[in-house]
C-alpha cells in the first residue's frame, strides 16, 4: 500500500502536477495557520466562527480547503482570535 507522502513524491516527477501542487501551497499554508492559531487560542470552530461573525460551516469549509478565504474573512478571523492580519510577499 502506498502512503500519501509516497504518492505525492511519485506524482511530483510530473512537472504539471508539481506546478499545480506549488500553486496551492499558499492556500494550504493559510488553512494550516488558521487551524494552528485557533487551537493555540483554545477555540473551537464554533467559538471562532461566532467571534468572527461567520457561520461554523463557513469556517469548516475554509479549514478543510473547500473554499478560499477572502482577505476580509482573514481579517475577521484574526480579530476573532485577538490578532492582526499580516500579509507578506517574500
N, C-alpha and C. Protein backbone atom coordinates (compact mmCIF):
# COMPACT_ATOMS: atom_id res chain seq x y z
N UNK A 1 0.83 -1.18 0.00
CA UNK A 1 0.00 0.00 0.00
C UNK A 1 0.89 1.25 0.00
N UNK A 2 0.52 2.23 -0.77
CA UNK A 2 1.27 3.47 -0.88
C UNK A 2 0.72 4.50 0.09
N UNK A 3 1.64 5.18 0.78
CA UNK A 3 1.20 6.25 1.67
C UNK A 3 0.97 7.51 0.84
N UNK A 4 0.29 8.48 1.44
CA UNK A 4 0.05 9.74 0.74
C UNK A 4 1.36 10.42 0.38
N UNK A 5 2.31 10.43 1.29
CA UNK A 5 3.60 11.06 1.01
C UNK A 5 4.31 10.39 -0.16
N UNK A 6 4.25 9.06 -0.21
CA UNK A 6 4.87 8.33 -1.32
C UNK A 6 4.17 8.65 -2.63
N UNK A 7 2.86 8.73 -2.59
CA UNK A 7 2.09 9.05 -3.78
C UNK A 7 2.45 10.45 -4.29
N UNK A 8 2.48 11.41 -3.38
CA UNK A 8 2.81 12.79 -3.78
C UNK A 8 4.23 12.85 -4.33
N UNK A 9 5.16 12.19 -3.66
CA UNK A 9 6.54 12.18 -4.13
C UNK A 9 6.64 11.63 -5.56
N UNK A 10 5.91 10.57 -5.83
CA UNK A 10 5.91 9.98 -7.17
C UNK A 10 5.30 10.94 -8.18
N UNK A 11 4.17 11.58 -7.83
CA UNK A 11 3.49 12.50 -8.74
C UNK A 11 4.29 13.78 -8.98
N UNK A 12 5.15 14.16 -8.02
CA UNK A 12 5.93 15.39 -8.17
C UNK A 12 6.91 15.31 -9.33
N UNK A 13 7.14 14.12 -9.85
CA UNK A 13 8.01 13.96 -11.02
C UNK A 13 7.35 14.51 -12.28
N UNK A 14 6.04 14.65 -12.25
CA UNK A 14 5.29 15.22 -13.36
C UNK A 14 5.29 16.74 -13.20
N UNK A 15 5.91 17.49 -14.13
CA UNK A 15 6.01 18.95 -13.99
C UNK A 15 4.66 19.65 -13.83
N UNK A 16 3.64 19.19 -14.53
CA UNK A 16 2.32 19.82 -14.41
C UNK A 16 1.76 19.62 -13.01
N UNK A 17 1.92 18.42 -12.47
CA UNK A 17 1.45 18.16 -11.10
C UNK A 17 2.24 18.99 -10.11
N UNK A 18 3.56 19.03 -10.26
CA UNK A 18 4.41 19.79 -9.35
C UNK A 18 4.02 21.26 -9.35
N UNK A 19 3.72 21.81 -10.51
CA UNK A 19 3.31 23.22 -10.60
C UNK A 19 1.96 23.45 -9.93
N UNK A 20 1.02 22.57 -10.18
CA UNK A 20 -0.30 22.68 -9.57
C UNK A 20 -0.20 22.57 -8.05
N UNK A 21 0.64 21.68 -7.58
CA UNK A 21 0.86 21.49 -6.15
C UNK A 21 1.45 22.76 -5.54
N UNK A 22 2.45 23.32 -6.20
CA UNK A 22 3.09 24.56 -5.72
C UNK A 22 2.11 25.72 -5.72
N UNK A 23 1.25 25.77 -6.73
CA UNK A 23 0.27 26.86 -6.82
C UNK A 23 -0.71 26.84 -5.66
N UNK A 24 -0.97 25.66 -5.10
CA UNK A 24 -1.91 25.54 -3.99
C UNK A 24 -1.27 25.74 -2.62
N UNK A 25 0.04 25.82 -2.58
CA UNK A 25 0.75 25.93 -1.30
C UNK A 25 0.30 27.12 -0.45
N UNK A 26 0.12 28.33 -1.00
CA UNK A 26 -0.34 29.44 -0.16
C UNK A 26 -1.71 29.17 0.50
N UNK A 27 -2.60 28.52 -0.22
CA UNK A 27 -3.91 28.20 0.36
C UNK A 27 -3.76 27.18 1.49
N UNK A 28 -2.93 26.18 1.28
CA UNK A 28 -2.70 25.18 2.32
C UNK A 28 -2.06 25.81 3.55
N UNK A 29 -1.14 26.73 3.32
CA UNK A 29 -0.49 27.39 4.45
C UNK A 29 -1.50 28.24 5.22
N UNK A 30 -2.37 28.94 4.51
CA UNK A 30 -3.39 29.75 5.18
C UNK A 30 -4.28 28.85 6.03
N UNK A 31 -4.70 27.71 5.49
CA UNK A 31 -5.53 26.77 6.25
C UNK A 31 -4.81 26.32 7.51
N UNK A 32 -3.57 25.93 7.33
CA UNK A 32 -2.78 25.43 8.47
C UNK A 32 -2.63 26.51 9.54
N UNK A 33 -2.34 27.74 9.11
CA UNK A 33 -2.14 28.83 10.07
C UNK A 33 -3.42 29.16 10.82
N UNK A 34 -4.56 29.14 10.13
CA UNK A 34 -5.84 29.40 10.79
C UNK A 34 -6.10 28.32 11.84
N UNK A 35 -5.93 27.07 11.47
CA UNK A 35 -6.18 25.97 12.40
C UNK A 35 -5.24 26.05 13.60
N UNK A 36 -3.94 26.26 13.34
CA UNK A 36 -2.97 26.33 14.43
C UNK A 36 -3.28 27.48 15.38
N UNK A 37 -3.61 28.66 14.83
CA UNK A 37 -3.91 29.82 15.67
C UNK A 37 -5.18 29.58 16.49
N UNK A 38 -6.19 29.00 15.86
CA UNK A 38 -7.45 28.71 16.57
C UNK A 38 -7.20 27.77 17.73
N UNK A 39 -6.46 26.71 17.49
CA UNK A 39 -6.17 25.73 18.54
C UNK A 39 -5.33 26.37 19.64
N UNK A 40 -4.34 27.16 19.26
CA UNK A 40 -3.49 27.84 20.25
C UNK A 40 -4.32 28.74 21.15
N UNK A 41 -5.34 29.36 20.61
CA UNK A 41 -6.21 30.24 21.39
C UNK A 41 -7.26 29.45 22.17
N UNK A 42 -7.29 28.14 21.98
CA UNK A 42 -8.22 27.29 22.71
C UNK A 42 -9.66 27.44 22.27
N UNK A 43 -9.84 27.77 20.98
CA UNK A 43 -11.18 28.00 20.45
C UNK A 43 -11.64 26.83 19.57
N UNK A 44 -12.89 26.50 19.68
CA UNK A 44 -13.48 25.52 18.76
C UNK A 44 -13.82 26.27 17.47
N UNK A 45 -14.14 25.52 16.44
CA UNK A 45 -14.57 26.17 15.19
C UNK A 45 -15.80 27.04 15.45
N UNK A 46 -16.72 26.51 16.23
CA UNK A 46 -17.96 27.24 16.51
C UNK A 46 -17.66 28.55 17.24
N UNK A 47 -16.78 28.50 18.23
CA UNK A 47 -16.45 29.70 19.01
C UNK A 47 -15.78 30.75 18.13
N UNK A 48 -14.81 30.33 17.32
CA UNK A 48 -14.13 31.29 16.46
C UNK A 48 -15.08 31.86 15.42
N UNK A 49 -15.91 31.01 14.85
CA UNK A 49 -16.87 31.48 13.85
C UNK A 49 -17.77 32.56 14.45
N UNK A 50 -18.24 32.33 15.66
CA UNK A 50 -19.11 33.32 16.32
C UNK A 50 -18.36 34.63 16.56
N UNK A 51 -17.13 34.53 17.03
CA UNK A 51 -16.33 35.73 17.30
C UNK A 51 -16.02 36.50 16.02
N UNK A 52 -15.89 35.78 14.91
CA UNK A 52 -15.54 36.40 13.63
C UNK A 52 -16.76 36.79 12.81
N UNK A 53 -17.94 36.45 13.30
CA UNK A 53 -19.16 36.77 12.56
C UNK A 53 -19.35 35.91 11.33
N UNK A 54 -18.88 34.67 11.41
CA UNK A 54 -19.04 33.70 10.32
C UNK A 54 -19.90 32.55 10.82
N UNK A 55 -20.38 31.76 9.90
CA UNK A 55 -21.05 30.53 10.30
C UNK A 55 -20.00 29.45 10.55
N UNK A 56 -20.36 28.50 11.38
CA UNK A 56 -19.45 27.37 11.63
C UNK A 56 -19.14 26.64 10.34
N UNK A 57 -20.14 26.51 9.47
CA UNK A 57 -19.93 25.79 8.21
C UNK A 57 -18.97 26.55 7.30
N UNK A 58 -19.01 27.87 7.33
CA UNK A 58 -18.07 28.66 6.51
C UNK A 58 -16.64 28.43 6.98
N UNK A 59 -16.44 28.48 8.29
CA UNK A 59 -15.09 28.26 8.83
C UNK A 59 -14.63 26.84 8.54
N UNK A 60 -15.51 25.88 8.67
CA UNK A 60 -15.16 24.49 8.37
C UNK A 60 -14.72 24.34 6.91
N UNK A 61 -15.45 24.97 6.00
CA UNK A 61 -15.08 24.88 4.58
C UNK A 61 -13.71 25.52 4.33
N UNK A 62 -13.40 26.60 5.03
CA UNK A 62 -12.08 27.23 4.89
C UNK A 62 -11.00 26.30 5.41
N UNK A 63 -11.20 25.78 6.62
CA UNK A 63 -10.19 24.92 7.24
C UNK A 63 -9.98 23.62 6.49
N UNK A 64 -10.99 23.14 5.78
CA UNK A 64 -10.87 21.88 5.03
C UNK A 64 -10.52 22.10 3.56
N UNK A 65 -10.27 23.35 3.18
CA UNK A 65 -9.83 23.63 1.81
C UNK A 65 -10.93 23.54 0.77
N UNK A 66 -12.16 23.59 1.19
CA UNK A 66 -13.26 23.53 0.22
C UNK A 66 -13.58 24.90 -0.35
N UNK A 67 -13.10 25.95 0.32
CA UNK A 67 -13.25 27.31 -0.17
C UNK A 67 -12.05 28.13 0.28
N UNK A 68 -11.73 29.14 -0.48
CA UNK A 68 -10.61 30.01 -0.13
C UNK A 68 -11.15 31.24 0.59
N UNK A 69 -10.50 31.60 1.71
CA UNK A 69 -10.97 32.78 2.43
C UNK A 69 -10.61 34.07 1.70
N UNK A 70 -11.48 35.04 1.79
CA UNK A 70 -11.17 36.37 1.25
C UNK A 70 -10.30 37.08 2.28
N UNK A 71 -9.70 38.17 1.87
CA UNK A 71 -8.91 38.95 2.82
C UNK A 71 -9.81 39.46 3.94
N UNK A 72 -11.02 39.85 3.60
CA UNK A 72 -11.97 40.29 4.61
C UNK A 72 -12.24 39.19 5.64
N UNK A 73 -12.41 37.97 5.17
CA UNK A 73 -12.63 36.85 6.10
C UNK A 73 -11.41 36.62 6.97
N UNK A 74 -10.23 36.71 6.38
CA UNK A 74 -9.00 36.52 7.15
C UNK A 74 -8.89 37.59 8.24
N UNK A 75 -9.26 38.83 7.91
CA UNK A 75 -9.22 39.91 8.90
C UNK A 75 -10.21 39.62 10.03
N UNK A 76 -11.39 39.15 9.69
CA UNK A 76 -12.40 38.84 10.70
C UNK A 76 -11.93 37.69 11.60
N UNK A 77 -11.30 36.69 11.00
CA UNK A 77 -10.79 35.57 11.78
C UNK A 77 -9.68 36.04 12.72
N UNK A 78 -8.79 36.88 12.20
CA UNK A 78 -7.70 37.40 13.03
C UNK A 78 -8.27 38.17 14.22
N UNK A 79 -9.21 39.06 13.96
CA UNK A 79 -9.83 39.83 15.05
C UNK A 79 -10.52 38.90 16.05
N UNK A 80 -11.16 37.88 15.54
CA UNK A 80 -11.85 36.92 16.42
C UNK A 80 -10.90 36.19 17.35
N UNK A 81 -9.62 36.12 16.96
CA UNK A 81 -8.60 35.49 17.80
C UNK A 81 -7.77 36.51 18.56
N UNK A 82 -8.15 37.80 18.44
CA UNK A 82 -7.39 38.85 19.11
C UNK A 82 -6.05 39.11 18.44
N UNK A 83 -5.99 38.87 17.15
CA UNK A 83 -4.75 39.03 16.40
C UNK A 83 -4.95 40.03 15.27
N UNK A 84 -3.87 40.40 14.61
CA UNK A 84 -3.96 41.24 13.42
C UNK A 84 -3.48 40.40 12.23
N UNK A 85 -3.98 40.73 11.07
CA UNK A 85 -3.60 40.02 9.85
C UNK A 85 -2.41 40.71 9.24
N UNK A 86 -1.40 39.94 8.85
CA UNK A 86 -0.22 40.47 8.18
C UNK A 86 0.01 39.62 6.95
N UNK A 87 0.06 40.28 5.79
CA UNK A 87 0.30 39.58 4.53
C UNK A 87 1.63 40.05 3.99
N UNK A 88 2.46 39.13 3.53
CA UNK A 88 3.79 39.47 3.03
C UNK A 88 4.04 38.86 1.67
N UNK A 89 4.81 39.55 0.88
CA UNK A 89 5.38 39.00 -0.34
C UNK A 89 6.84 38.75 -0.05
N UNK A 90 7.30 37.52 -0.23
CA UNK A 90 8.70 37.20 0.06
C UNK A 90 9.36 36.61 -1.16
